[in-house]
Amino acid sequence: MKRKVHACLFSASPQEVREKTKETVQKLEYNRGFIFAASHHIQPDTPDENILALIETLDNLGGLAYE
């Protein structure tokens, strides 16, 4: 099974986080009802740059379903 966003957030590179986030949003945004929310808290030792990569990617994709 491929890694999910929350699984790679802790251990992947920022680029891998961006790619997995974009892939996940594109798979789930088909009905324009997709809301990205954490189901668990972010682990304390998650790299800051990975959290920023996630947030920035979501922000950049914010209007994806409406383009």
Protein backbone atom coordinates (compact mmCIF):
# COMPACT_ATOMS: atom_id res chain seq x y z
CA MET A 1 0.00 0.00 0.00
CA LYS A 2 1.28 3.46 -0.83
CA ARG A 3 2.06 5.86 1.97
CA LYS A 4 -0.65 8.28 2.93
CA VAL A 5 0.00 11.95 3.63
CA HIS A 6 -0.01 11.51 7.39
CA ALA A 7 2.40 8.58 7.12
CA CYS A 8 4.94 10.47 5.04
CA LEU A 9 4.63 13.76 6.91
CA PHE A 10 6.96 12.56 9.64
CA SER A 11 9.65 10.85 7.60
CA ALA A 12 9.56 11.99 3.96
CA SER A 13 11.24 14.94 2.31
CA PRO A 14 9.25 18.16 1.82
CA GLN A 15 9.02 17.39 -1.91
CA GLU A 16 7.53 13.95 -1.18
CA VAL A 17 5.00 15.58 1.15
CA ARG A 18 4.03 18.03 -1.62
CA GLU A 19 3.63 15.23 -4.17
CA LYS A 20 1.58 13.00 -1.84
CA THR A 21 -0.63 15.91 -0.77
CA LYS A 22 -1.32 16.90 -4.39
CA GLU A 23 -2.01 13.27 -5.36
CA THR A 24 -4.44 12.86 -2.47
CA VAL A 25 -6.32 16.09 -3.21
CA GLN A 26 -6.63 15.25 -6.90
CA LYS A 27 -8.04 11.81 -6.08
CA LEU A 28 -10.60 13.15 -3.63
CA GLU A 29 -11.71 16.48 -5.07
CA TYR A 30 -13.86 14.98 -7.85
CA ASN A 31 -17.16 15.90 -6.18
CA ARG A 32 -16.06 19.36 -4.97
CA GLY A 33 -16.84 18.35 -1.40
CA PHE A 34 -13.33 17.52 -0.26
CA ILE A 35 -12.21 19.06 3.04
CA PHE A 36 -8.67 18.38 4.20
CA ALA A 37 -8.50 17.88 7.96
CA ALA A 38 -6.14 16.03 10.23
CA SER A 39 -7.56 12.88 11.80
CA HIS A 40 -4.71 12.73 14.31
CA HIS A 41 -2.39 15.31 15.75
CA ILE A 42 0.91 16.01 14.08
CA GLN A 43 3.71 14.22 15.88
CA PRO A 44 5.91 16.56 17.97
CA ASP A 45 9.12 15.76 16.12
CA THR A 46 7.69 16.17 12.62
CA PRO A 47 10.05 18.41 10.65
CA ASP A 48 8.77 21.97 10.39
CA GLU A 49 9.57 22.06 6.69
CA ASN A 50 7.23 19.10 6.09
CA ILE A 51 4.37 20.81 7.90
CA LEU A 52 4.97 23.94 5.83
CA ALA A 53 5.12 21.86 2.63
CA LEU A 54 1.71 20.36 3.48
CA ILE A 55 0.11 23.72 4.29
CA GLU A 56 1.59 25.52 1.28
CA THR A 57 0.54 22.75 -1.09
CA LEU A 58 -3.02 22.76 0.23
CA ASP A 59 -3.11 26.53 -0.05
CA ASN A 60 -1.84 26.40 -3.65
CA LEU A 61 -4.41 23.74 -4.55
CA GLY A 62 -7.28 25.54 -2.82
CA GLY A 63 -9.12 26.37 -6.00
CA LEU A 64 -8.25 23.20 -7.90
CA ALA A 65 -11.82 21.87 -8.01
CA TYR A 66 -13.19 25.16 -9.26
CA GLU A 67 -10.78 25.84 -12.10
